[in-house]
Protein backbone atom coordinates (compact mmCIF):
# COMPACT_ATOMS: atom_id res chain seq x y z
CA MET A 1 4.23 -35.81 23.58
CA GLU A 2 7.18 -37.91 22.50
CA GLU A 3 8.83 -37.08 19.19
CA THR A 4 8.15 -39.56 16.38
CA ILE A 5 9.51 -39.83 12.87
CA ILE A 6 8.11 -41.52 9.81
CA ILE A 7 10.67 -43.40 7.74
CA ALA A 8 9.99 -44.10 4.08
CA THR A 9 11.20 -47.58 3.17
CA PRO A 10 11.24 -49.20 -0.27
CA VAL A 11 7.92 -50.93 0.61
CA GLY A 12 6.07 -48.30 2.65
CA TYR A 13 6.26 -46.14 5.75
CA ARG A 14 7.13 -46.94 9.36
CA VAL A 15 6.80 -44.83 12.51
CA TYR A 16 9.70 -44.76 14.98
CA ARG A 17 11.06 -42.67 17.82
CA PRO A 18 14.56 -41.23 17.35
CA ALA A 19 15.58 -43.25 20.44
CA ASP A 20 14.91 -46.46 18.47
CA ILE A 21 17.75 -45.63 16.06
CA GLY A 22 21.41 -45.79 17.05
CA TYR A 23 22.86 -44.54 13.80
CA PHE A 24 22.47 -44.39 10.04
CA VAL A 25 25.04 -45.76 7.64
CA TYR A 26 25.20 -45.30 3.87
CA SER A 27 25.33 -48.63 2.02
CA THR A 28 27.29 -48.32 -1.21
CA ARG A 29 26.03 -51.76 -2.19
CA HIS A 30 22.37 -50.68 -2.03
CA ARG A 31 23.13 -47.00 -2.74
CA ALA A 32 20.83 -46.05 0.13
CA TRP A 33 20.97 -45.04 3.78
CA GLN A 34 20.19 -47.70 6.39
CA ALA A 35 19.00 -47.15 9.96
CA VAL A 36 20.71 -49.39 12.54
CA MET A 37 18.19 -50.17 15.26
CA PHE A 38 17.92 -52.18 18.47
CA GLY A 39 18.49 -55.91 18.10
CA ASP A 40 20.99 -55.48 15.24
CA ARG A 41 18.11 -54.74 12.89
CA THR A 42 18.75 -52.57 9.89
CA LEU A 43 16.09 -50.73 7.97
CA ARG A 44 16.92 -49.62 4.44
CA LEU A 45 15.58 -46.21 3.52
CA ARG A 46 14.44 -45.16 0.07
CA ARG A 47 17.22 -44.24 -2.36
CA GLN A 48 15.97 -40.66 -2.63
CA THR A 49 16.61 -40.10 1.09
CA SER A 50 19.65 -37.85 1.58
CA ALA A 51 21.80 -37.16 4.62
CA ASP A 52 20.21 -33.71 4.86
CA ASP A 53 16.75 -35.34 5.01
CA ILE A 54 17.86 -37.50 7.94
CA LEU A 55 19.50 -34.60 9.79
CA ALA A 56 16.37 -32.46 9.40
CA VAL A 57 14.14 -35.04 11.09
CA SER A 58 15.61 -34.76 14.61
CA SER A 59 18.19 -32.68 16.42
CA SER A 60 19.42 -35.96 17.95
CA PHE A 61 21.07 -36.93 14.69
CA VAL A 62 24.50 -35.58 13.78
CA ARG A 63 26.80 -36.48 10.91
CA ILE A 64 30.28 -37.73 11.84
CA ASN A 65 31.62 -38.67 8.41
CA GLN A 66 30.49 -38.96 4.81
CA SER A 67 28.67 -42.24 5.37
CA THR A 68 27.59 -42.18 9.04
CA ILE A 69 25.02 -40.21 11.05
CA ILE A 70 24.76 -40.99 14.76
CA ASN A 71 22.15 -40.46 17.45
CA ILE A 72 24.07 -38.31 19.95
CA HIS A 73 22.07 -39.76 22.84
CA TYR A 74 24.03 -43.01 22.43
CA LEU A 75 27.46 -41.35 22.26
CA VAL A 76 29.69 -42.34 25.20
CA LEU A 77 33.25 -41.69 24.07
CA ILE A 78 35.11 -39.37 21.72
CA GLU A 79 38.75 -40.36 21.44
CA GLU A 80 41.12 -38.82 18.92
CA HIS A 81 39.42 -39.54 15.58
CA TYR A 82 36.96 -42.17 16.78
CA ILE A 83 33.74 -42.37 18.73
CA ARG A 84 32.04 -45.16 20.58
CA LEU A 85 28.32 -45.63 21.19
CA CYS A 86 26.75 -47.23 24.24
CA PRO A 87 25.03 -50.64 24.16
CA PRO A 88 23.30 -51.99 22.21
CA PHE A 89 25.08 -49.96 19.54
CA ASP A 90 28.60 -50.39 20.86
CA CYS A 91 31.15 -52.38 18.92
CA PRO A 92 33.36 -54.72 20.96
CA ASP A 93 36.11 -54.78 18.30
CA ASP A 94 38.32 -51.70 18.03
CA GLU A 95 38.42 -52.13 14.28
CA VAL A 96 34.78 -51.10 13.91
CA ASP A 97 34.80 -47.90 16.00
CA LEU A 98 33.17 -45.05 14.13
CA LEU A 99 35.55 -42.58 12.52
CA ILE A 100 34.95 -38.83 12.91
CA SER A 101 35.78 -36.69 9.90
CA ARG A 102 38.09 -33.77 10.67
CA ASN A 103 35.61 -31.34 9.06
CA LEU A 104 32.67 -32.67 11.11
CA ARG A 105 34.38 -32.86 14.52
CA LYS A 106 33.64 -29.22 15.38
CA PRO A 107 29.88 -29.37 14.58
CA LEU A 108 29.65 -32.53 16.72
CA LYS A 109 31.30 -30.81 19.68
CA GLU A 110 28.99 -27.79 19.26
CA LYS A 111 25.93 -30.06 19.71
CA LEU A 112 27.32 -31.48 22.97
CA ARG A 113 27.40 -29.82 26.38
CA ILE A 114 31.07 -30.08 27.30
CA LEU A 115 32.30 -29.11 30.77
């Protein structure tokens, strides 16, 4: 059976697969985490949702900096202090690559199978 997660939104609950979500980003404007999904859709989570709550839902999710949690199944490149995700979550402009925190680089590498 395929893994599913239930996401609490400000207006109710929605069921998704981890594969539907490319990454989560913390919105300082809304003071809440947002899931970035296929089709450039974003889904705002409830304010009570913490990064630890998101990480506990699926082993596919890993934190790369204070405000970003990625789905490692969409990771295609780790270069210096940045990562890039595969389409549809890739960013064509270099200025919006996702930054990896120095403290979180090692836990990210531990989750990956590196040859």
